[in-house]
Amino acid sequence: MKMEKLTVNFSAEKLQAMKILSPQIYDSIEKILSEQLEKLYIKAVPLSTRKYIEAKLDEENQAQQRGGTR
């Protein structure tokens, strides 16, 4: 699956406070944001479209696996 990088601006002071006061959350920020984006995707994209995208991704993965075993 092709991934796209997402950049988010956030207050440096707030981020520093999170780093100091809640390092376990700070260390997991990317994972937490990724999970939240997935929830937003599910909320924003209709089920039929999500199924189409999943089928397309499955086809691409299968094609890559077949190509990689030659």
N, C-alpha and C. Protein backbone atom coordinates (compact mmCIF):
# COMPACT_ATOMS: atom_id res chain seq x y z
N MET A 1 0.84 -1.16 0.00
CA MET A 1 0.00 0.00 0.00
C MET A 1 0.89 1.24 0.00
N LYS A 2 0.58 2.15 -0.86
CA LYS A 2 1.32 3.41 -0.93
C LYS A 2 0.91 4.28 0.24
N MET A 3 1.89 4.82 0.93
CA MET A 3 1.62 5.67 2.09
C MET A 3 1.96 7.11 1.73
N GLU A 4 1.23 8.02 2.33
CA GLU A 4 1.48 9.44 2.13
C GLU A 4 1.78 10.06 3.48
N LYS A 5 2.77 10.93 3.51
CA LYS A 5 3.18 11.58 4.75
C LYS A 5 2.26 12.77 5.02
N LEU A 6 1.85 12.92 6.27
CA LEU A 6 0.98 14.00 6.70
C LEU A 6 1.72 14.82 7.74
N THR A 7 1.76 16.13 7.56
CA THR A 7 2.43 17.01 8.51
C THR A 7 1.37 17.84 9.24
N VAL A 8 1.51 17.92 10.56
CA VAL A 8 0.55 18.65 11.38
C VAL A 8 1.29 19.70 12.19
N ASN A 9 0.79 20.91 12.18
CA ASN A 9 1.35 21.96 13.03
C ASN A 9 0.66 21.91 14.39
N PHE A 10 1.46 22.04 15.44
CA PHE A 10 0.93 21.98 16.80
C PHE A 10 1.81 22.85 17.69
N SER A 11 1.24 23.43 18.69
CA SER A 11 1.97 24.31 19.61
C SER A 11 3.17 23.58 20.22
N ALA A 12 4.34 24.19 20.11
CA ALA A 12 5.56 23.60 20.67
C ALA A 12 5.46 23.50 22.20
N GLU A 13 4.85 24.50 22.82
CA GLU A 13 4.71 24.49 24.27
C GLU A 13 3.81 23.34 24.73
N LYS A 14 2.70 23.13 24.02
CA LYS A 14 1.79 22.04 24.38
C LYS A 14 2.46 20.68 24.17
N LEU A 15 3.21 20.57 23.10
CA LEU A 15 3.91 19.32 22.82
C LEU A 15 4.97 19.04 23.89
N GLN A 16 5.68 20.08 24.28
CA GLN A 16 6.70 19.94 25.33
C GLN A 16 6.06 19.52 26.65
N ALA A 17 4.90 20.10 26.98
CA ALA A 17 4.20 19.73 28.21
C ALA A 17 3.79 18.26 28.17
N MET A 18 3.33 17.81 27.01
CA MET A 18 2.94 16.41 26.87
C MET A 18 4.16 15.50 27.03
N LYS A 19 5.28 15.92 26.47
CA LYS A 19 6.51 15.14 26.55
C LYS A 19 6.96 14.98 28.00
N ILE A 20 6.83 16.05 28.78
CA ILE A 20 7.27 16.02 30.17
C ILE A 20 6.27 15.31 31.07
N LEU A 21 4.99 15.64 30.91
CA LEU A 21 3.97 15.15 31.83
C LEU A 21 3.38 13.79 31.46
N SER A 22 3.49 13.43 30.20
CA SER A 22 2.91 12.16 29.77
C SER A 22 3.79 11.53 28.67
N PRO A 23 5.00 11.12 29.05
CA PRO A 23 5.94 10.60 28.04
C PRO A 23 5.43 9.36 27.31
N GLN A 24 4.61 8.54 27.95
CA GLN A 24 4.09 7.34 27.28
C GLN A 24 3.17 7.74 26.12
N ILE A 25 2.42 8.81 26.30
CA ILE A 25 1.57 9.30 25.20
C ILE A 25 2.45 9.95 24.14
N TYR A 26 3.41 10.76 24.58
CA TYR A 26 4.30 11.44 23.63
C TYR A 26 5.02 10.43 22.74
N ASP A 27 5.45 9.32 23.32
CA ASP A 27 6.16 8.30 22.55
C ASP A 27 5.25 7.57 21.56
N SER A 28 3.95 7.68 21.76
CA SER A 28 2.98 6.98 20.91
C SER A 28 2.19 7.92 20.01
N ILE A 29 2.60 9.15 19.89
CA ILE A 29 1.81 10.14 19.15
C ILE A 29 1.49 9.69 17.74
N GLU A 30 2.46 9.20 17.01
CA GLU A 30 2.21 8.79 15.62
C GLU A 30 1.18 7.67 15.56
N LYS A 31 1.30 6.70 16.45
CA LYS A 31 0.34 5.59 16.47
C LYS A 31 -1.06 6.10 16.82
N ILE A 32 -1.15 6.96 17.82
CA ILE A 32 -2.44 7.49 18.25
C ILE A 32 -3.08 8.30 17.12
N LEU A 33 -2.30 9.16 16.48
CA LEU A 33 -2.83 9.97 15.38
C LEU A 33 -3.27 9.09 14.22
N SER A 34 -2.50 8.05 13.94
CA SER A 34 -2.86 7.13 12.86
C SER A 34 -4.18 6.45 13.16
N GLU A 35 -4.37 6.01 14.40
CA GLU A 35 -5.63 5.38 14.80
C GLU A 35 -6.80 6.35 14.67
N GLN A 36 -6.58 7.59 15.07
CA GLN A 36 -7.64 8.60 14.97
C GLN A 36 -7.97 8.92 13.51
N LEU A 37 -6.96 8.96 12.65
CA LEU A 37 -7.20 9.18 11.22
C LEU A 37 -8.00 8.03 10.63
N GLU A 38 -7.72 6.82 11.07
CA GLU A 38 -8.47 5.66 10.59
C GLU A 38 -9.94 5.78 11.00
N LYS A 39 -10.20 6.21 12.23
CA LYS A 39 -11.58 6.41 12.69
C LYS A 39 -12.26 7.51 11.89
N LEU A 40 -11.54 8.58 11.61
CA LEU A 40 -12.10 9.67 10.81
C LEU A 40 -12.41 9.20 9.39
N TYR A 41 -11.52 8.40 8.83
CA TYR A 41 -11.73 7.82 7.50
C TYR A 41 -13.01 6.99 7.47
N ILE A 42 -13.19 6.15 8.48
CA ILE A 42 -14.38 5.31 8.56
C ILE A 42 -15.64 6.17 8.67
N LYS A 43 -15.55 7.24 9.43
CA LYS A 43 -16.70 8.13 9.60
C LYS A 43 -17.00 8.92 8.33
N ALA A 44 -15.98 9.33 7.61
CA ALA A 44 -16.14 10.24 6.48
C ALA A 44 -16.38 9.55 5.14
N VAL A 45 -15.88 8.32 4.99
CA VAL A 45 -15.95 7.63 3.70
C VAL A 45 -17.03 6.56 3.76
N PRO A 46 -17.97 6.59 2.82
CA PRO A 46 -19.05 5.59 2.83
C PRO A 46 -18.50 4.16 2.73
N LEU A 47 -19.25 3.23 3.31
CA LEU A 47 -18.84 1.83 3.35
C LEU A 47 -18.57 1.28 1.95
N SER A 48 -19.42 1.59 1.00
CA SER A 48 -19.22 1.06 -0.36
C SER A 48 -17.89 1.54 -0.95
N THR A 49 -17.51 2.76 -0.67
CA THR A 49 -16.23 3.29 -1.16
C THR A 49 -15.08 2.63 -0.44
N ARG A 50 -15.22 2.43 0.86
CA ARG A 50 -14.15 1.75 1.63
C ARG A 50 -13.95 0.33 1.13
N LYS A 51 -15.05 -0.37 0.83
CA LYS A 51 -14.93 -1.74 0.31
C LYS A 51 -14.23 -1.74 -1.04
N TYR A 52 -14.55 -0.78 -1.89
CA TYR A 52 -13.89 -0.68 -3.20
C TYR A 52 -12.39 -0.46 -3.02
N ILE A 53 -12.03 0.46 -2.13
CA ILE A 53 -10.61 0.75 -1.88
C ILE A 53 -9.90 -0.48 -1.32
N GLU A 54 -10.53 -1.18 -0.38
CA GLU A 54 -9.94 -2.38 0.19
C GLU A 54 -9.72 -3.46 -0.88
N ALA A 55 -10.71 -3.63 -1.76
CA ALA A 55 -10.58 -4.62 -2.83
C ALA A 55 -9.42 -4.25 -3.76
N LYS A 56 -9.31 -2.97 -4.06
CA LYS A 56 -8.21 -2.50 -4.91
C LYS A 56 -6.86 -2.73 -4.24
N LEU A 57 -6.77 -2.44 -2.94
CA LEU A 57 -5.53 -2.67 -2.21
C LEU A 57 -5.19 -4.16 -2.14
N ASP A 58 -6.20 -5.00 -1.94
CA ASP A 58 -5.97 -6.45 -1.91
C ASP A 58 -5.43 -6.94 -3.25
N GLU A 59 -5.99 -6.44 -4.35
CA GLU A 59 -5.50 -6.82 -5.67
C GLU A 59 -4.05 -6.40 -5.86
N GLU A 60 -3.72 -5.19 -5.44
CA GLU A 60 -2.34 -4.70 -5.57
C GLU A 60 -1.39 -5.56 -4.73
N ASN A 61 -1.80 -5.91 -3.52
CA ASN A 61 -0.95 -6.74 -2.65
C ASN A 61 -0.74 -8.13 -3.25
N GLN A 62 -1.79 -8.71 -3.80
CA GLN A 62 -1.67 -10.03 -4.43
C GLN A 62 -0.77 -9.97 -5.65
N ALA A 63 -0.89 -8.91 -6.44
CA ALA A 63 -0.04 -8.76 -7.61
C ALA A 63 1.43 -8.61 -7.20
N GLN A 64 1.67 -7.88 -6.12
CA GLN A 64 3.05 -7.71 -5.64
C GLN A 64 3.61 -9.03 -5.13
N GLN A 65 2.79 -9.81 -4.44
CA GLN A 65 3.24 -11.10 -3.93
C GLN A 65 3.55 -12.05 -5.07
N ARG A 66 2.71 -12.06 -6.08
CA ARG A 66 2.97 -12.94 -7.24
C ARG A 66 4.23 -12.50 -7.96
N GLY A 67 4.41 -11.20 -8.09
CA GLY A 67 5.60 -10.67 -8.76
C GLY A 67 6.86 -10.91 -7.96
N GLY A 68 6.75 -10.92 -6.65
CA GLY A 68 7.90 -11.10 -5.78
C GLY A 68 8.35 -12.54 -5.64
N THR A 69 7.52 -13.50 -6.07
CA THR A 69 7.89 -14.90 -5.91
C THR A 69 8.44 -15.51 -7.18
N ARG A 70 8.59 -14.71 -8.20
CA ARG A 70 9.14 -15.22 -9.47
C ARG A 70 10.58 -15.52 -9.40
